[in-house]
Full PDB file with SEQRES, HELIX, SHEET, SSBOND, CRYST1, ORIGX, SCALE, CONECT and MASTER records, all heavy atoms in Angstrom:
SEQRES   1 A   39  LEU GLY VAL ALA ASN ALA VAL ALA ALA GLY LEU MET LEU          
SEQRES   2 A   39  ALA ALA SER PHE GLY LEU ILE TYR GLU GLY VAL GLY TYR          
SEQRES   3 A   39  SER LEU PRO ARG VAL LEU LEU GLY VAL LEU VAL GLY LEU          
HELIX    1 AA1 GLY A    2  VAL A   24  1                                  23    
HELIX    2 AA2 LEU A   28  GLY A   38  1                                  11    
CRYST1    1.000    1.000    1.000  90.00  90.00  90.00 P 1           1          
ORIGX1      1.000000  0.000000  0.000000        0.00000                         
ORIGX2      0.000000  1.000000  0.000000        0.00000                         
ORIGX3      0.000000  0.000000  1.000000        0.00000                         
SCALE1      1.000000  0.000000  0.000000        0.00000                         
SCALE2      0.000000  1.000000  0.000000        0.00000                         
SCALE3      0.000000  0.000000  1.000000        0.00000                         
ATOM      1  N   LEU A   1     -19.099  16.418   7.195  1.00  0.00           N  
ATOM      2  CA  LEU A   1     -18.367  15.592   6.234  1.00  0.00           C  
ATOM      3  C   LEU A   1     -16.989  16.192   5.948  1.00  0.00           C  
ATOM      4  O   LEU A   1     -15.989  15.472   5.847  1.00  0.00           O  
ATOM      5  CB  LEU A   1     -19.147  15.476   4.932  1.00  0.00           C  
ATOM      6  CG  LEU A   1     -20.454  14.660   4.966  1.00  0.00           C  
ATOM      7  CD1 LEU A   1     -21.121  14.699   3.605  1.00  0.00           C  
ATOM      8  CD2 LEU A   1     -20.172  13.230   5.380  1.00  0.00           C  
ATOM      9  N   GLY A   2     -16.947  17.515   5.814  1.00  0.00           N  
ATOM     10  CA  GLY A   2     -15.683  18.176   5.548  1.00  0.00           C  
ATOM     11  C   GLY A   2     -14.694  18.007   6.688  1.00  0.00           C  
ATOM     12  O   GLY A   2     -13.514  17.703   6.473  1.00  0.00           O  
ATOM     13  N   VAL A   3     -15.187  18.183   7.896  1.00  0.00           N  
ATOM     14  CA  VAL A   3     -14.323  18.014   9.073  1.00  0.00           C  
ATOM     15  C   VAL A   3     -13.877  16.566   9.199  1.00  0.00           C  
ATOM     16  O   VAL A   3     -12.725  16.285   9.538  1.00  0.00           O  
ATOM     17  CB  VAL A   3     -15.064  18.475  10.346  1.00  0.00           C  
ATOM     18  CG1 VAL A   3     -14.256  18.125  11.596  1.00  0.00           C  
ATOM     19  CG2 VAL A   3     -15.322  19.978  10.294  1.00  0.00           C  
ATOM     20  N   ALA A   4     -14.792  15.620   8.915  1.00  0.00           N  
ATOM     21  CA  ALA A   4     -14.445  14.198   8.986  1.00  0.00           C  
ATOM     22  C   ALA A   4     -13.344  13.860   7.986  1.00  0.00           C  
ATOM     23  O   ALA A   4     -12.393  13.133   8.302  1.00  0.00           O  
ATOM     24  CB  ALA A   4     -15.676  13.339   8.712  1.00  0.00           C  
ATOM     25  N   ASN A   5     -13.443  14.409   6.781  1.00  0.00           N  
ATOM     26  CA  ASN A   5     -12.395  14.180   5.783  1.00  0.00           C  
ATOM     27  C   ASN A   5     -11.074  14.793   6.214  1.00  0.00           C  
ATOM     28  O   ASN A   5     -10.005  14.231   5.966  1.00  0.00           O  
ATOM     29  CB  ASN A   5     -12.818  14.759   4.429  1.00  0.00           C  
ATOM     30  CG  ASN A   5     -13.657  13.795   3.612  1.00  0.00           C  
ATOM     31  OD1 ASN A   5     -13.362  12.611   3.540  1.00  0.00           O  
ATOM     32  ND2 ASN A   5     -14.717  14.291   2.997  1.00  0.00           N  
ATOM     33  N   ALA A   6     -11.134  15.945   6.871  1.00  0.00           N  
ATOM     34  CA  ALA A   6      -9.911  16.578   7.374  1.00  0.00           C  
ATOM     35  C   ALA A   6      -9.251  15.703   8.435  1.00  0.00           C  
ATOM     36  O   ALA A   6      -8.021  15.565   8.471  1.00  0.00           O  
ATOM     37  CB  ALA A   6     -10.228  17.959   7.941  1.00  0.00           C  
ATOM     38  N   VAL A   7     -10.065  15.120   9.307  1.00  0.00           N  
ATOM     39  CA  VAL A   7      -9.538  14.220  10.332  1.00  0.00           C  
ATOM     40  C   VAL A   7      -8.893  12.997   9.674  1.00  0.00           C  
ATOM     41  O   VAL A   7      -7.794  12.571  10.055  1.00  0.00           O  
ATOM     42  CB  VAL A   7     -10.656  13.785  11.305  1.00  0.00           C  
ATOM     43  CG1 VAL A   7     -10.162  12.676  12.226  1.00  0.00           C  
ATOM     44  CG2 VAL A   7     -11.142  14.973  12.124  1.00  0.00           C  
ATOM     45  N   ALA A   8      -9.577  12.427   8.675  1.00  0.00           N  
ATOM     46  CA  ALA A   8      -9.027  11.263   7.972  1.00  0.00           C  
ATOM     47  C   ALA A   8      -7.702  11.610   7.305  1.00  0.00           C  
ATOM     48  O   ALA A   8      -6.742  10.839   7.369  1.00  0.00           O  
ATOM     49  CB  ALA A   8     -10.028  10.765   6.925  1.00  0.00           C  
ATOM     50  N   ALA A   9      -7.639  12.780   6.666  1.00  0.00           N  
ATOM     51  CA  ALA A   9      -6.403  13.212   6.013  1.00  0.00           C  
ATOM     52  C   ALA A   9      -5.282  13.386   7.033  1.00  0.00           C  
ATOM     53  O   ALA A   9      -4.134  12.993   6.793  1.00  0.00           O  
ATOM     54  CB  ALA A   9      -6.634  14.516   5.247  1.00  0.00           C  
ATOM     55  N   GLY A  10      -5.616  13.957   8.187  1.00  0.00           N  
ATOM     56  CA  GLY A  10      -4.609  14.150   9.229  1.00  0.00           C  
ATOM     57  C   GLY A  10      -4.069  12.836   9.758  1.00  0.00           C  
ATOM     58  O   GLY A  10      -2.856  12.683   9.952  1.00  0.00           O  
ATOM     59  N   LEU A  11      -4.958  11.878   9.976  1.00  0.00           N  
ATOM     60  CA  LEU A  11      -4.529  10.563  10.461  1.00  0.00           C  
ATOM     61  C   LEU A  11      -3.617   9.886   9.442  1.00  0.00           C  
ATOM     62  O   LEU A  11      -2.608   9.273   9.789  1.00  0.00           O  
ATOM     63  CB  LEU A  11      -5.753   9.678  10.736  1.00  0.00           C  
ATOM     64  CG  LEU A  11      -6.668  10.100  11.896  1.00  0.00           C  
ATOM     65  CD1 LEU A  11      -7.905   9.202  11.941  1.00  0.00           C  
ATOM     66  CD2 LEU A  11      -5.924  10.036  13.223  1.00  0.00           C  
ATOM     67  N   MET A  12      -3.973  10.010   8.165  1.00  0.00           N  
ATOM     68  CA  MET A  12      -3.179   9.366   7.122  1.00  0.00           C  
ATOM     69  C   MET A  12      -1.811  10.033   6.959  1.00  0.00           C  
ATOM     70  O   MET A  12      -0.801   9.359   6.768  1.00  0.00           O  
ATOM     71  CB  MET A  12      -3.943   9.390   5.803  1.00  0.00           C  
ATOM     72  CG  MET A  12      -5.165   8.489   5.775  1.00  0.00           C  
ATOM     73  SD  MET A  12      -6.056   8.575   4.204  1.00  0.00           S  
ATOM     74  CE  MET A  12      -4.820   7.901   3.090  1.00  0.00           C  
ATOM     75  N   LEU A  13      -1.781  11.364   7.037  1.00  0.00           N  
ATOM     76  CA  LEU A  13      -0.505  12.072   6.914  1.00  0.00           C  
ATOM     77  C   LEU A  13       0.438  11.701   8.056  1.00  0.00           C  
ATOM     78  O   LEU A  13       1.625  11.435   7.845  1.00  0.00           O  
ATOM     79  CB  LEU A  13      -0.745  13.582   6.881  1.00  0.00           C  
ATOM     80  CG  LEU A  13      -1.333  14.145   5.587  1.00  0.00           C  
ATOM     81  CD1 LEU A  13      -1.682  15.617   5.756  1.00  0.00           C  
ATOM     82  CD2 LEU A  13      -0.365  13.954   4.427  1.00  0.00           C  
ATOM     83  N   ALA A  14      -0.095  11.708   9.273  1.00  0.00           N  
ATOM     84  CA  ALA A  14       0.738  11.358  10.422  1.00  0.00           C  
ATOM     85  C   ALA A  14       1.223   9.916  10.332  1.00  0.00           C  
ATOM     86  O   ALA A  14       2.388   9.622  10.628  1.00  0.00           O  
ATOM     87  CB  ALA A  14      -0.049  11.577  11.720  1.00  0.00           C  
ATOM     88  N   ALA A  15       0.328   9.008   9.911  1.00  0.00           N  
ATOM     89  CA  ALA A  15       0.723   7.607   9.759  1.00  0.00           C  
ATOM     90  C   ALA A  15       1.799   7.457   8.684  1.00  0.00           C  
ATOM     91  O   ALA A  15       2.735   6.668   8.829  1.00  0.00           O  
ATOM     92  CB  ALA A  15      -0.499   6.759   9.407  1.00  0.00           C  
ATOM     93  N   SER A  16       1.677   8.247   7.610  1.00  0.00           N  
ATOM     94  CA  SER A  16       2.647   8.170   6.513  1.00  0.00           C  
ATOM     95  C   SER A  16       4.044   8.566   6.979  1.00  0.00           C  
ATOM     96  O   SER A  16       5.032   7.874   6.696  1.00  0.00           O  
ATOM     97  CB  SER A  16       2.215   9.079   5.359  1.00  0.00           C  
ATOM     98  OG  SER A  16       0.971   8.671   4.841  1.00  0.00           O  
ATOM     99  N   PHE A  17       4.126   9.677   7.696  1.00  0.00           N  
ATOM    100  CA  PHE A  17       5.438  10.111   8.167  1.00  0.00           C  
ATOM    101  C   PHE A  17       5.970   9.186   9.263  1.00  0.00           C  
ATOM    102  O   PHE A  17       7.185   9.055   9.438  1.00  0.00           O  
ATOM    103  CB  PHE A  17       5.370  11.559   8.646  1.00  0.00           C  
ATOM    104  CG  PHE A  17       5.281  12.543   7.516  1.00  0.00           C  
ATOM    105  CD1 PHE A  17       4.093  13.169   7.214  1.00  0.00           C  
ATOM    106  CD2 PHE A  17       6.387  12.799   6.721  1.00  0.00           C  
ATOM    107  CE1 PHE A  17       3.995  14.054   6.147  1.00  0.00           C  
ATOM    108  CE2 PHE A  17       6.315  13.680   5.658  1.00  0.00           C  
ATOM    109  CZ  PHE A  17       5.108  14.322   5.369  1.00  0.00           C  
ATOM    110  N   GLY A  18       5.050   8.513   9.965  1.00  0.00           N  
ATOM    111  CA  GLY A  18       5.476   7.499  10.916  1.00  0.00           C  
ATOM    112  C   GLY A  18       6.127   6.318  10.203  1.00  0.00           C  
ATOM    113  O   GLY A  18       7.138   5.772  10.664  1.00  0.00           O  
ATOM    114  N   LEU A  19       5.553   5.937   9.037  1.00  0.00           N  
ATOM    115  CA  LEU A  19       6.134   4.861   8.241  1.00  0.00           C  
ATOM    116  C   LEU A  19       7.523   5.240   7.729  1.00  0.00           C  
ATOM    117  O   LEU A  19       8.449   4.434   7.739  1.00  0.00           O  
ATOM    118  CB  LEU A  19       5.221   4.538   7.047  1.00  0.00           C  
ATOM    119  CG  LEU A  19       3.857   3.912   7.365  1.00  0.00           C  
ATOM    120  CD1 LEU A  19       3.037   3.783   6.096  1.00  0.00           C  
ATOM    121  CD2 LEU A  19       4.015   2.556   8.037  1.00  0.00           C  
ATOM    122  N   ILE A  20       7.656   6.491   7.279  1.00  0.00           N  
ATOM    123  CA  ILE A  20       8.956   6.954   6.784  1.00  0.00           C  
ATOM    124  C   ILE A  20       9.985   6.933   7.907  1.00  0.00           C  
ATOM    125  O   ILE A  20      11.122   6.473   7.725  1.00  0.00           O  
ATOM    126  CB  ILE A  20       8.825   8.374   6.193  1.00  0.00           C  
ATOM    127  CG1 ILE A  20       7.980   8.330   4.917  1.00  0.00           C  
ATOM    128  CG2 ILE A  20      10.207   8.969   5.903  1.00  0.00           C  
ATOM    129  CD1 ILE A  20       7.675   9.690   4.335  1.00  0.00           C  
ATOM    130  N   TYR A  21       9.572   7.413   9.069  1.00  0.00           N  
ATOM    131  CA  TYR A  21      10.489   7.441  10.216  1.00  0.00           C  
ATOM    132  C   TYR A  21      10.943   6.029  10.589  1.00  0.00           C  
ATOM    133  O   TYR A  21      12.125   5.788  10.866  1.00  0.00           O  
ATOM    134  CB  TYR A  21       9.787   8.100  11.404  1.00  0.00           C  
ATOM    135  CG  TYR A  21      10.632   8.155  12.651  1.00  0.00           C  
ATOM    136  CD1 TYR A  21      11.626   9.117  12.804  1.00  0.00           C  
ATOM    137  CD2 TYR A  21      10.432   7.236  13.681  1.00  0.00           C  
ATOM    138  CE1 TYR A  21      12.400   9.169  13.952  1.00  0.00           C  
ATOM    139  CE2 TYR A  21      11.209   7.272  14.832  1.00  0.00           C  
ATOM    140  CZ  TYR A  21      12.185   8.248  14.961  1.00  0.00           C  
ATOM    141  OH  TYR A  21      12.952   8.278  16.096  1.00  0.00           O  
ATOM    142  N   GLU A  22       9.988   5.092  10.560  1.00  0.00           N  
ATOM    143  CA  GLU A  22      10.323   3.701  10.883  1.00  0.00           C  
ATOM    144  C   GLU A  22      11.261   3.105   9.838  1.00  0.00           C  
ATOM    145  O   GLU A  22      12.220   2.402  10.166  1.00  0.00           O  
ATOM    146  CB  GLU A  22       9.047   2.865  10.962  1.00  0.00           C  
ATOM    147  CG  GLU A  22       9.272   1.405  11.328  1.00  0.00           C  
ATOM    148  CD  GLU A  22       7.982   0.608  11.365  1.00  0.00           C  
ATOM    149  OE1 GLU A  22       6.895   1.215  11.346  1.00  0.00           O  
ATOM    150  OE2 GLU A  22       8.077  -0.631  11.401  1.00  0.00           O  
ATOM    151  N   GLY A  23      11.009   3.414   8.561  1.00  0.00           N  
ATOM    152  CA  GLY A  23      11.823   2.855   7.502  1.00  0.00           C  
ATOM    153  C   GLY A  23      13.236   3.400   7.465  1.00  0.00           C  
ATOM    154  O   GLY A  23      14.176   2.686   7.100  1.00  0.00           O  
ATOM    155  N   VAL A  24      13.410   4.671   7.865  1.00  0.00           N  
ATOM    156  CA  VAL A  24      14.737   5.287   7.859  1.00  0.00           C  
ATOM    157  C   VAL A  24      15.692   4.524   8.771  1.00  0.00           C  
ATOM    158  O   VAL A  24      16.895   4.463   8.524  1.00  0.00           O  
ATOM    159  CB  VAL A  24      14.648   6.771   8.278  1.00  0.00           C  
ATOM    160  CG1 VAL A  24      16.014   7.349   8.615  1.00  0.00           C  
ATOM    161  CG2 VAL A  24      13.999   7.583   7.164  1.00  0.00           C  
ATOM    162  N   GLY A  25      15.146   3.901   9.826  1.00  0.00           N  
ATOM    163  CA  GLY A  25      15.981   3.120  10.731  1.00  0.00           C  
ATOM    164  C   GLY A  25      16.615   1.918  10.052  1.00  0.00           C  
ATOM    165  O   GLY A  25      17.613   1.378  10.540  1.00  0.00           O  
ATOM    166  N   TYR A  26      16.028   1.502   8.909  1.00  0.00           N  
ATOM    167  CA  TYR A  26      16.585   0.379   8.159  1.00  0.00           C  
ATOM    168  C   TYR A  26      17.485   0.872   7.022  1.00  0.00           C  
ATOM    169  O   TYR A  26      18.616   0.420   6.883  1.00  0.00           O  
ATOM    170  CB  TYR A  26      15.459  -0.474   7.563  1.00  0.00           C  
ATOM    171  CG  TYR A  26      14.665  -1.244   8.588  1.00  0.00           C  
ATOM    172  CD1 TYR A  26      13.508  -0.709   9.154  1.00  0.00           C  
ATOM    173  CD2 TYR A  26      15.052  -2.521   8.985  1.00  0.00           C  
ATOM    174  CE1 TYR A  26      12.765  -1.424  10.085  1.00  0.00           C  
ATOM    175  CE2 TYR A  26      14.310  -3.245   9.914  1.00  0.00           C  
ATOM    176  CZ  TYR A  26      13.171  -2.679  10.465  1.00  0.00           C  
ATOM    177  OH  TYR A  26      12.436  -3.380  11.393  1.00  0.00           O  
ATOM    178  N   SER A  27      16.954   1.808   6.214  1.00  0.00           N  
ATOM    179  CA  SER A  27      17.726   2.308   5.070  1.00  0.00           C  
ATOM    180  C   SER A  27      17.065   3.561   4.509  1.00  0.00           C  
ATOM    181  O   SER A  27      15.945   3.475   3.975  1.00  0.00           O  
ATOM    182  CB  SER A  27      17.836   1.234   3.986  1.00  0.00           C  
ATOM    183  OG  SER A  27      18.385   1.779   2.802  1.00  0.00           O  
ATOM    184  N   LEU A  28      17.735   4.701   4.600  1.00  0.00           N  
ATOM    185  CA  LEU A  28      17.194   5.948   4.062  1.00  0.00           C  
ATOM    186  C   LEU A  28      17.026   5.893   2.541  1.00  0.00           C  
ATOM    187  O   LEU A  28      15.952   6.264   2.030  1.00  0.00           O  
ATOM    188  CB  LEU A  28      18.089   7.124   4.459  1.00  0.00           C  
ATOM    189  CG  LEU A  28      17.701   8.484   3.869  1.00  0.00           C  
ATOM    190  CD1 LEU A  28      16.294   8.874   4.302  1.00  0.00           C  
ATOM    191  CD2 LEU A  28      18.717   9.557   4.282  1.00  0.00           C  
ATOM    192  N   PRO A  29      18.030   5.456   1.779  1.00  0.00           N  
ATOM    193  CA  PRO A  29      17.850   5.419   0.315  1.00  0.00           C  
ATOM    194  C   PRO A  29      16.679   4.544  -0.130  1.00  0.00           C  
ATOM    195  O   PRO A  29      15.928   4.921  -1.040  1.00  0.00           O  
ATOM    196  CB  PRO A  29      19.185   4.847  -0.194  1.00  0.00           C  
ATOM    197  CG  PRO A  29      20.169   5.173   0.873  1.00  0.00           C  
ATOM    198  CD  PRO A  29      19.401   5.056   2.154  1.00  0.00           C  
ATOM    199  N   ARG A  30      16.489   3.386   0.520  1.00  0.00           N  
ATOM    200  CA  ARG A  30      15.391   2.494   0.124  1.00  0.00           C  
ATOM    201  C   ARG A  30      14.035   3.110   0.469  1.00  0.00           C  
ATOM    202  O   ARG A  30      13.058   2.934  -0.269  1.00  0.00           O  
ATOM    203  CB  ARG A  30      15.544   1.139   0.801  1.00  0.00           C  
ATOM    204  CG  ARG A  30      16.706   0.324   0.250  1.00  0.00           C  
ATOM    205  CD  ARG A  30      16.936  -0.931   1.040  1.00  0.00           C  
ATOM    206  NE  ARG A  30      18.160  -1.609   0.623  1.00  0.00           N  
ATOM    207  CZ  ARG A  30      18.758  -2.556   1.309  1.00  0.00           C  
ATOM    208  NH1 ARG A  30      18.238  -2.951   2.461  1.00  0.00           N  
ATOM    209  NH2 ARG A  30      19.868  -3.116   0.864  1.00  0.00           N  
ATOM    210  N   VAL A  31      13.977   3.819   1.589  1.00  0.00           N  
ATOM    211  CA  VAL A  31      12.723   4.481   1.954  1.00  0.00           C  
ATOM    212  C   VAL A  31      12.379   5.561   0.930  1.00  0.00           C  
ATOM    213  O   VAL A  31      11.235   5.649   0.462  1.00  0.00           O  
ATOM    214  CB  VAL A  31      12.818   5.110   3.364  1.00  0.00           C  
ATOM    215  CG1 VAL A  31      11.603   6.001   3.630  1.00  0.00           C  
ATOM    216  CG2 VAL A  31      12.892   4.027   4.415  1.00  0.00           C  
ATOM    217  N   LEU A  32      13.347   6.404   0.587  1.00  0.00           N  
ATOM    218  CA  LEU A  32      13.103   7.480  -0.373  1.00  0.00           C  
ATOM    219  C   LEU A  32      12.735   6.930  -1.740  1.00  0.00           C  
ATOM    220  O   LEU A  32      11.851   7.471  -2.426  1.00  0.00           O  
ATOM    221  CB  LEU A  32      14.341   8.371  -0.473  1.00  0.00           C  
ATOM    222  CG  LEU A  32      14.712   9.136   0.803  1.00  0.00           C  
ATOM    223  CD1 LEU A  32      15.957   9.981   0.566  1.00  0.00           C  
ATOM    224  CD2 LEU A  32      13.554  10.001   1.271  1.00  0.00           C  
ATOM    225  N   LEU A  33      13.392   5.836  -2.155  1.00  0.00           N  
ATOM    226  CA  LEU A  33      13.030   5.188  -3.418  1.00  0.00           C  
ATOM    227  C   LEU A  33      11.597   4.681  -3.355  1.00  0.00           C  
ATOM    228  O   LEU A  33      10.820   4.839  -4.309  1.00  0.00           O  
ATOM    229  CB  LEU A  33      13.985   4.035  -3.708  1.00  0.00           C  
ATOM    230  CG  LEU A  33      13.674   3.204  -4.970  1.00  0.00           C  
ATOM    231  CD1 LEU A  33      13.741   4.073  -6.213  1.00  0.00           C  
ATOM    232  CD2 LEU A  33      14.639   2.025  -5.078  1.00  0.00           C  
ATOM    233  N   GLY A  34      11.230   4.085  -2.218  1.00  0.00           N  
ATOM    234  CA  GLY A  34       9.865   3.597  -2.048  1.00  0.00           C  
ATOM    235  C   GLY A  34       8.844   4.715  -2.118  1.00  0.00           C  
ATOM    236  O   GLY A  34       7.772   4.563  -2.724  1.00  0.00           O  
ATOM    237  N   VAL A  35       9.153   5.874  -1.517  1.00  0.00           N  
ATOM    238  CA  VAL A  35       8.246   7.022  -1.544  1.00  0.00           C  
ATOM    239  C   VAL A  35       7.992   7.455  -2.985  1.00  0.00           C  
ATOM    240  O   VAL A  35       6.844   7.700  -3.396  1.00  0.00           O  
ATOM    241  CB  VAL A  35       8.820   8.195  -0.730  1.00  0.00           C  
ATOM    242  CG1 VAL A  35       8.005   9.466  -0.978  1.00  0.00           C  
ATOM    243  CG2 VAL A  35       8.808   7.867   0.754  1.00  0.00           C  
ATOM    244  N   LEU A  36       9.047   7.561  -3.780  1.00  0.00           N  
ATOM    245  CA  LEU A  36       8.916   8.001  -5.170  1.00  0.00           C  
ATOM    246  C   LEU A  36       8.146   6.988  -6.017  1.00  0.00           C  
ATOM    247  O   LEU A  36       7.300   7.365  -6.833  1.00  0.00           O  
ATOM    248  CB  LEU A  36      10.297   8.249  -5.771  1.00  0.00           C  
ATOM    249  CG  LEU A  36      11.095   9.402  -5.139  1.00  0.00           C  
ATOM    250  CD1 LEU A  36      12.477   9.510  -5.777  1.00  0.00           C  
ATOM    251  CD2 LEU A  36      10.344  10.726  -5.276  1.00  0.00           C  
ATOM    252  N   VAL A  37       8.431   5.699  -5.805  1.00  0.00           N  
ATOM    253  CA  VAL A  37       7.708   4.670  -6.555  1.00  0.00           C  
ATOM    254  C   VAL A  37       6.238   4.641  -6.132  1.00  0.00           C  
ATOM    255  O   VAL A  37       5.337   4.485  -6.961  1.00  0.00           O  
ATOM    256  CB  VAL A  37       8.362   3.284  -6.346  1.00  0.00           C  
ATOM    257  CG1 VAL A  37       7.532   2.199  -7.012  1.00  0.00           C  
ATOM    258  CG2 VAL A  37       9.774   3.276  -6.906  1.00  0.00           C  
ATOM    259  N   GLY A  38       5.982   4.804  -4.823  1.00  0.00           N  
ATOM    260  CA  GLY A  38       4.605   4.857  -4.335  1.00  0.00           C  
ATOM    261  C   GLY A  38       3.852   6.036  -4.915  1.00  0.00           C  
ATOM    262  O   GLY A  38       2.668   5.933  -5.266  1.00  0.00           O  
ATOM    263  N   LEU A  39       4.523   7.190  -5.028  1.00  0.00           N  
ATOM    264  CA  LEU A  39       3.912   8.370  -5.635  1.00  0.00           C  
ATOM    265  C   LEU A  39       3.555   8.103  -7.092  1.00  0.00           C  
ATOM    266  O   LEU A  39       2.436   8.400  -7.540  1.00  0.00           O  
ATOM    267  CB  LEU A  39       4.880   9.552  -5.540  1.00  0.00           C  
ATOM    268  CG  LEU A  39       4.487  10.815  -6.312  1.00  0.00           C  
ATOM    269  CD1 LEU A  39       3.174  11.374  -5.791  1.00  0.00           C  
ATOM    270  CD2 LEU A  39       5.598  11.856  -6.223  1.00  0.00           C  
TER     271      LEU A  39                                                      
MASTER        0    0    0    2    0    0    0    6  270    1    0    3          
END                                                                             
């Protein structure tokens, strides 16, 4: 279970930074604002 949760966390972290990378291509300030509001 612990390893499975670690895998899930890794997939989510990588996907998250993939979203940020994709969004930066449109607008860095809007992406950063979105990150803070999402947090």
